[in-house]
């Protein structure tokens, strides 16, 4: 490796460490002269960090350093705290994950019942959902999408890794009625329980 490439890799390394958010190749390329092969530099840096305590990870076209997956158990700090999502919150999160971007009205149509603001607040506070783009339709309704925090918490590399329909049916989360793929087994559920605790299992 020549001195120029070594300096370029060092710069990318510094930029990624200094950034609070993952960076795209386009964002990194702004710090280099035109024609610099940023993709090749990232590949070399990723190779340099392979097998180390910190790895260079790519997701949806953005790059960031993450703790090596095999060290997760040794870094975890155990706390005695019961934090469980209610069924309503689990259903809402699952609908957003599978139908995103999805509006509140669409969530209510799929569930068949009104969705209390408190349920969305719980998921926002957990860092699992965020506002998406507004629809280019009358009234320009807002939409909801999942976050990288959602993917990290459930150990997903991307939305393509979400369990399939058959897997969800096996867990009892997906209603087996063929009409609408609702994520509730009856219309008796209500959104009265706005005191949902964070975390739990989506699948």
C-alpha atoms as a PDB file:
ATOM      1  CA  UNK A   1       0.000   0.000   0.000  1.00  0.00           C
ATOM      2  CA  UNK A   2       1.419   3.378  -0.980  1.00  0.00           C
ATOM      3  CA  UNK A   3       1.479   6.398   1.324  1.00  0.00           C
ATOM      4  CA  UNK A   4      -1.435   8.090  -0.463  1.00  0.00           C
ATOM      5  CA  UNK A   5      -3.768   5.089  -0.014  1.00  0.00           C
ATOM      6  CA  UNK A   6      -2.660   4.669   3.606  1.00  0.00           C
ATOM      7  CA  UNK A   7      -3.504   8.305   4.377  1.00  0.00           C
ATOM      8  CA  UNK A   8      -6.870   7.978   2.601  1.00  0.00           C
ATOM      9  CA  UNK A   9      -7.805   4.917   4.671  1.00  0.00           C
ATOM     10  CA  UNK A  10      -6.767   6.710   7.859  1.00  0.00           C
ATOM     11  CA  UNK A  11      -9.048   9.617   6.909  1.00  0.00           C
ATOM     12  CA  UNK A  12     -12.028   7.318   6.297  1.00  0.00           C
ATOM     13  CA  UNK A  13     -11.327   5.598   9.622  1.00  0.00           C
ATOM     14  CA  UNK A  14     -11.293   8.953  11.425  1.00  0.00           C
ATOM     15  CA  UNK A  15     -14.470  10.146   9.701  1.00  0.00           C
ATOM     16  CA  UNK A  16     -16.378   7.008  10.680  1.00  0.00           C
ATOM     17  CA  UNK A  17     -15.182   7.133  14.279  1.00  0.00           C
ATOM     18  CA  UNK A  18     -16.061  10.828  14.590  1.00  0.00           C
ATOM     19  CA  UNK A  19     -19.552  10.510  13.105  1.00  0.00           C
ATOM     20  CA  UNK A  20     -22.532   9.889  15.379  1.00  0.00           C
ATOM     21  CA  UNK A  21     -24.394   8.304  12.459  1.00  0.00           C
ATOM     22  CA  UNK A  22     -23.420   5.780   9.758  1.00  0.00           C
ATOM     23  CA  UNK A  23     -21.986   7.434   6.635  1.00  0.00           C
ATOM     24  CA  UNK A  24     -22.638   6.686   2.979  1.00  0.00           C
ATOM     25  CA  UNK A  25     -19.923   6.396   0.363  1.00  0.00           C
ATOM     26  CA  UNK A  26     -21.196   9.665  -1.119  1.00  0.00           C
ATOM     27  CA  UNK A  27     -20.768  11.473   2.204  1.00  0.00           C
ATOM     28  CA  UNK A  28     -17.250  10.093   2.602  1.00  0.00           C
ATOM     29  CA  UNK A  29     -16.345  10.957  -1.000  1.00  0.00           C
ATOM     30  CA  UNK A  30     -16.842  14.671  -0.252  1.00  0.00           C
ATOM     31  CA  UNK A  31     -13.569  14.582   1.694  1.00  0.00           C
ATOM     32  CA  UNK A  32     -11.568  13.243  -1.241  1.00  0.00           C
ATOM     33  CA  UNK A  33     -10.590  14.400  -4.700  1.00  0.00           C
ATOM     34  CA  UNK A  34     -12.797  13.371  -7.606  1.00  0.00           C
ATOM     35  CA  UNK A  35     -12.061   9.888  -8.843  1.00  0.00           C
ATOM     36  CA  UNK A  36     -11.001   8.454  -5.481  1.00  0.00           C
ATOM     37  CA  UNK A  37     -12.217   4.864  -5.207  1.00  0.00           C
ATOM     38  CA  UNK A  38     -13.949   5.175  -1.842  1.00  0.00           C
ATOM     39  CA  UNK A  39     -15.566   1.731  -2.192  1.00  0.00           C
ATOM     40  CA  UNK A  40     -12.161   0.083  -2.534  1.00  0.00           C
ATOM     41  CA  UNK A  41     -10.833   1.998   0.471  1.00  0.00           C
ATOM     42  CA  UNK A  42     -13.818   0.900   2.573  1.00  0.00           C
ATOM     43  CA  UNK A  43     -13.313  -2.705   1.503  1.00  0.00           C
ATOM     44  CA  UNK A  44      -9.660  -2.537   2.552  1.00  0.00           C
ATOM     45  CA  UNK A  45     -10.537  -0.941   5.895  1.00  0.00           C
ATOM     46  CA  UNK A  46     -13.237  -3.560   6.478  1.00  0.00           C
ATOM     47  CA  UNK A  47     -10.668  -6.272   5.809  1.00  0.00           C
ATOM     48  CA  UNK A  48      -8.200  -4.650   8.219  1.00  0.00           C
ATOM     49  CA  UNK A  49     -10.810  -4.731  11.019  1.00  0.00           C
ATOM     50  CA  UNK A  50     -12.040  -8.277  10.330  1.00  0.00           C
ATOM     51  CA  UNK A  51     -11.564 -10.485  13.372  1.00  0.00           C
ATOM     52  CA  UNK A  52     -10.940  -7.560  15.707  1.00  0.00           C
ATOM     53  CA  UNK A  53     -13.031  -6.312  18.614  1.00  0.00           C
ATOM     54  CA  UNK A  54     -14.569  -3.640  16.408  1.00  0.00           C
ATOM     55  CA  UNK A  55     -15.726  -4.373  12.849  1.00  0.00           C
ATOM     56  CA  UNK A  56     -16.629  -2.123   9.943  1.00  0.00           C
ATOM     57  CA  UNK A  57     -20.260  -2.857   9.111  1.00  0.00           C
ATOM     58  CA  UNK A  58     -22.298  -1.901   6.033  1.00  0.00           C
ATOM     59  CA  UNK A  59     -26.097  -1.612   6.063  1.00  0.00           C
ATOM     60  CA  UNK A  60     -28.315  -0.166   3.354  1.00  0.00           C
ATOM     61  CA  UNK A  61     -25.395   1.642   1.727  1.00  0.00           C
ATOM     62  CA  UNK A  62     -24.076   3.245   4.912  1.00  0.00           C
ATOM     63  CA  UNK A  63     -20.990   2.357   6.931  1.00  0.00           C
ATOM     64  CA  UNK A  64     -20.235   2.379  10.650  1.00  0.00           C
ATOM     65  CA  UNK A  65     -18.010   0.687  13.220  1.00  0.00           C
ATOM     66  CA  UNK A  66     -19.781  -1.811  15.460  1.00  0.00           C
ATOM     67  CA  UNK A  67     -18.657  -4.053  18.299  1.00  0.00           C
ATOM     68  CA  UNK A  68     -17.894  -7.567  17.045  1.00  0.00           C
ATOM     69  CA  UNK A  69     -21.038  -9.690  17.363  1.00  0.00           C
ATOM     70  CA  UNK A  70     -19.281 -12.556  19.139  1.00  0.00           C
ATOM     71  CA  UNK A  71     -18.299 -10.245  21.999  1.00  0.00           C
ATOM     72  CA  UNK A  72     -21.834  -9.095  22.724  1.00  0.00           C
ATOM     73  CA  UNK A  73     -22.451 -11.470  25.640  1.00  0.00           C
ATOM     74  CA  UNK A  74     -19.201 -10.460  27.334  1.00  0.00           C
ATOM     75  CA  UNK A  75     -20.011  -6.757  27.052  1.00  0.00           C
ATOM     76  CA  UNK A  76     -23.590  -7.015  28.248  1.00  0.00           C
ATOM     77  CA  UNK A  77     -24.391  -5.529  31.637  1.00  0.00           C
ATOM     78  CA  UNK A  78     -27.149  -7.490  33.301  1.00  0.00           C
ATOM     79  CA  UNK A  79     -29.869  -5.543  35.107  1.00  0.00           C
ATOM     80  CA  UNK A  80     -32.824  -6.909  37.032  1.00  0.00           C
ATOM     81  CA  UNK A  81     -35.647  -5.091  35.323  1.00  0.00           C
ATOM     82  CA  UNK A  82     -38.879  -6.403  33.839  1.00  0.00           C
ATOM     83  CA  UNK A  83     -39.570  -4.622  30.574  1.00  0.00           C
ATOM     84  CA  UNK A  84     -42.240  -6.170  28.422  1.00  0.00           C
ATOM     85  CA  UNK A  85     -44.213  -4.748  25.532  1.00  0.00           C
ATOM     86  CA  UNK A  86     -47.974  -5.162  25.605  1.00  0.00           C
ATOM     87  CA  UNK A  87     -49.635  -7.130  22.837  1.00  0.00           C
ATOM     88  CA  UNK A  88     -51.024  -3.903  21.379  1.00  0.00           C
ATOM     89  CA  UNK A  89     -47.524  -2.418  21.104  1.00  0.00           C
ATOM     90  CA  UNK A  90     -46.127  -5.640  19.624  1.00  0.00           C
ATOM     91  CA  UNK A  91     -48.889  -5.709  17.009  1.00  0.00           C
ATOM     92  CA  UNK A  92     -48.336  -2.055  16.133  1.00  0.00           C
ATOM     93  CA  UNK A  93     -44.568  -2.525  15.845  1.00  0.00           C
ATOM     94  CA  UNK A  94     -45.010  -5.600  13.652  1.00  0.00           C
ATOM     95  CA  UNK A  95     -47.426  -3.768  11.344  1.00  0.00           C
ATOM     96  CA  UNK A  96     -44.981  -0.886  10.939  1.00  0.00           C
ATOM     97  CA  UNK A  97     -42.086  -3.282  10.316  1.00  0.00           C
ATOM     98  CA  UNK A  98     -43.905  -5.215   7.582  1.00  0.00           C
ATOM     99  CA  UNK A  99     -45.938  -2.439   5.953  1.00  0.00           C
ATOM    100  CA  UNK A 100     -43.651   0.596   6.258  1.00  0.00           C
ATOM    101  CA  UNK A 101     -43.986   3.364   5.443  1.00  0.00           C
ATOM    102  CA  UNK A 102     -47.445   3.131   6.986  1.00  0.00           C
ATOM    103  CA  UNK A 103     -49.779   5.822   8.290  1.00  0.00           C
ATOM    104  CA  UNK A 104     -51.635   5.700  11.592  1.00  0.00           C
ATOM    105  CA  UNK A 105     -54.916   5.306   9.736  1.00  0.00           C
ATOM    106  CA  UNK A 106     -53.514   2.293   7.884  1.00  0.00           C
ATOM    107  CA  UNK A 107     -52.302   0.772  11.158  1.00  0.00           C
ATOM    108  CA  UNK A 108     -55.818   1.136  12.554  1.00  0.00           C
ATOM    109  CA  UNK A 109     -57.335  -0.405   9.406  1.00  0.00           C
ATOM    110  CA  UNK A 110     -55.056  -3.427   9.654  1.00  0.00           C
ATOM    111  CA  UNK A 111     -55.638  -3.897  13.403  1.00  0.00           C
ATOM    112  CA  UNK A 112     -59.338  -3.132  13.190  1.00  0.00           C
ATOM    113  CA  UNK A 113     -59.226  -0.844  16.251  1.00  0.00           C
ATOM    114  CA  UNK A 114     -58.079   2.670  17.057  1.00  0.00           C
ATOM    115  CA  UNK A 115     -54.446   3.156  18.025  1.00  0.00           C
ATOM    116  CA  UNK A 116     -53.790   5.292  21.095  1.00  0.00           C
ATOM    117  CA  UNK A 117     -51.029   7.879  20.813  1.00  0.00           C
ATOM    118  CA  UNK A 118     -49.431   6.355  23.906  1.00  0.00           C
ATOM    119  CA  UNK A 119     -48.686   3.132  22.035  1.00  0.00           C
ATOM    120  CA  UNK A 120     -46.698   4.980  19.369  1.00  0.00           C
ATOM    121  CA  UNK A 121     -44.973   7.035  22.067  1.00  0.00           C
ATOM    122  CA  UNK A 122     -43.702   3.861  23.735  1.00  0.00           C
ATOM    123  CA  UNK A 123     -42.195   2.650  20.453  1.00  0.00           C
ATOM    124  CA  UNK A 124     -40.659   6.057  19.764  1.00  0.00           C
ATOM    125  CA  UNK A 125     -39.095   6.187  23.223  1.00  0.00           C
ATOM    126  CA  UNK A 126     -37.691   2.696  22.713  1.00  0.00           C
ATOM    127  CA  UNK A 127     -35.963   4.037  19.600  1.00  0.00           C
ATOM    128  CA  UNK A 128     -37.651   1.478  17.334  1.00  0.00           C
ATOM    129  CA  UNK A 129     -39.849   3.698  15.137  1.00  0.00           C
ATOM    130  CA  UNK A 130     -39.606   7.198  13.717  1.00  0.00           C
ATOM    131  CA  UNK A 131     -41.664   9.468  11.424  1.00  0.00           C
ATOM    132  CA  UNK A 132     -41.318   8.687   7.724  1.00  0.00           C
ATOM    133  CA  UNK A 133     -42.130  10.842   4.714  1.00  0.00           C
ATOM    134  CA  UNK A 134     -45.541  12.405   4.358  1.00  0.00           C
ATOM    135  CA  UNK A 135     -47.746  10.919   1.673  1.00  0.00           C
ATOM    136  CA  UNK A 136     -48.348  12.941  -1.480  1.00  0.00           C
ATOM    137  CA  UNK A 137     -52.104  12.550  -1.004  1.00  0.00           C
ATOM    138  CA  UNK A 138     -54.834  14.914   0.275  1.00  0.00           C
ATOM    139  CA  UNK A 139     -54.043  15.934   3.812  1.00  0.00           C
ATOM    140  CA  UNK A 140     -50.463  14.687   3.399  1.00  0.00           C
ATOM    141  CA  UNK A 141     -50.720  12.124   6.225  1.00  0.00           C
ATOM    142  CA  UNK A 142     -47.530  11.263   8.074  1.00  0.00           C
ATOM    143  CA  UNK A 143     -46.116   7.767   8.028  1.00  0.00           C
ATOM    144  CA  UNK A 144     -44.084   5.591  10.390  1.00  0.00           C
ATOM    145  CA  UNK A 145     -40.989   3.487   9.703  1.00  0.00           C
ATOM    146  CA  UNK A 146     -38.635   1.388  11.814  1.00  0.00           C
ATOM    147  CA  UNK A 147     -35.144   2.536  12.824  1.00  0.00           C
ATOM    148  CA  UNK A 148     -31.672   1.018  12.814  1.00  0.00           C
ATOM    149  CA  UNK A 149     -32.171   0.638  16.556  1.00  0.00           C
ATOM    150  CA  UNK A 150     -35.046  -1.750  15.826  1.00  0.00           C
ATOM    151  CA  UNK A 151     -32.823  -3.835  13.546  1.00  0.00           C
ATOM    152  CA  UNK A 152     -29.987  -3.859  16.084  1.00  0.00           C
ATOM    153  CA  UNK A 153     -32.238  -4.857  18.999  1.00  0.00           C
ATOM    154  CA  UNK A 154     -33.793  -7.793  17.172  1.00  0.00           C
ATOM    155  CA  UNK A 155     -30.522  -8.874  15.569  1.00  0.00           C
ATOM    156  CA  UNK A 156     -31.606  -8.170  11.984  1.00  0.00           C
ATOM    157  CA  UNK A 157     -29.181  -7.247   9.216  1.00  0.00           C
ATOM    158  CA  UNK A 158     -32.011  -5.578   7.306  1.00  0.00           C
ATOM    159  CA  UNK A 159     -35.768  -5.702   6.732  1.00  0.00           C
ATOM    160  CA  UNK A 160     -35.232  -8.647   4.378  1.00  0.00           C
ATOM    161  CA  UNK A 161     -34.324 -10.686   7.476  1.00  0.00           C
ATOM    162  CA  UNK A 162     -37.769 -10.271   9.054  1.00  0.00           C
ATOM    163  CA  UNK A 163     -39.507 -13.630   9.673  1.00  0.00           C
ATOM    164  CA  UNK A 164     -41.862 -14.834   6.942  1.00  0.00           C
ATOM    165  CA  UNK A 165     -45.638 -15.171   7.162  1.00  0.00           C
ATOM    166  CA  UNK A 166     -45.505 -18.852   8.143  1.00  0.00           C
ATOM    167  CA  UNK A 167     -43.096 -18.109  10.992  1.00  0.00           C
ATOM    168  CA  UNK A 168     -45.352 -15.353  12.321  1.00  0.00           C
ATOM    169  CA  UNK A 169     -48.392 -17.618  12.160  1.00  0.00           C
ATOM    170  CA  UNK A 170     -46.493 -20.246  14.119  1.00  0.00           C
ATOM    171  CA  UNK A 171     -45.840 -17.720  16.909  1.00  0.00           C
ATOM    172  CA  UNK A 172     -49.519 -16.715  16.994  1.00  0.00           C
ATOM    173  CA  UNK A 173     -48.762 -13.094  16.111  1.00  0.00           C
ATOM    174  CA  UNK A 174     -50.352 -13.218  12.666  1.00  0.00           C
ATOM    175  CA  UNK A 175     -54.073 -13.787  12.344  1.00  0.00           C
ATOM    176  CA  UNK A 176     -54.817 -16.781  10.108  1.00  0.00           C
ATOM    177  CA  UNK A 177     -57.894 -15.221   8.516  1.00  0.00           C
ATOM    178  CA  UNK A 178     -57.268 -14.688   4.760  1.00  0.00           C
ATOM    179  CA  UNK A 179     -58.962 -11.307   4.394  1.00  0.00           C
ATOM    180  CA  UNK A 180     -56.675  -8.654   5.907  1.00  0.00           C
ATOM    181  CA  UNK A 181     -53.352  -9.712   7.368  1.00  0.00           C
ATOM    182  CA  UNK A 182     -54.204  -8.265  10.719  1.00  0.00           C
ATOM    183  CA  UNK A 183     -51.867  -8.841  13.595  1.00  0.00           C
ATOM    184  CA  UNK A 184     -54.628  -9.310  16.164  1.00  0.00           C
ATOM    185  CA  UNK A 185     -56.667 -12.412  16.844  1.00  0.00           C
ATOM    186  CA  UNK A 186     -59.823 -10.570  17.872  1.00  0.00           C
ATOM    187  CA  UNK A 187     -61.308  -7.123  17.951  1.00  0.00           C
ATOM    188  CA  UNK A 188     -61.550  -7.267  21.732  1.00  0.00           C
ATOM    189  CA  UNK A 189     -58.091  -5.729  22.167  1.00  0.00           C
ATOM    190  CA  UNK A 190     -58.070  -2.024  22.953  1.00  0.00           C
ATOM    191  CA  UNK A 191     -55.319   0.509  23.292  1.00  0.00           C
ATOM    192  CA  UNK A 192     -56.097   1.381  26.893  1.00  0.00           C
ATOM    193  CA  UNK A 193     -52.699   0.149  28.112  1.00  0.00           C
ATOM    194  CA  UNK A 194     -50.567   3.179  27.377  1.00  0.00           C
ATOM    195  CA  UNK A 195     -48.091   2.272  30.119  1.00  0.00           C
ATOM    196  CA  UNK A 196     -46.260  -0.267  27.961  1.00  0.00           C
ATOM    197  CA  UNK A 197     -42.739  -1.092  29.078  1.00  0.00           C
ATOM    198  CA  UNK A 198     -39.945  -1.106  26.527  1.00  0.00           C
ATOM    199  CA  UNK A 199     -38.329  -4.206  25.020  1.00  0.00           C
ATOM    200  CA  UNK A 200     -39.633  -7.688  24.697  1.00  0.00           C
ATOM    201  CA  UNK A 201     -39.778 -10.055  21.757  1.00  0.00           C
ATOM    202  CA  UNK A 202     -41.381  -9.051  18.484  1.00  0.00           C
ATOM    203  CA  UNK A 203     -41.296 -12.499  17.002  1.00  0.00           C
END
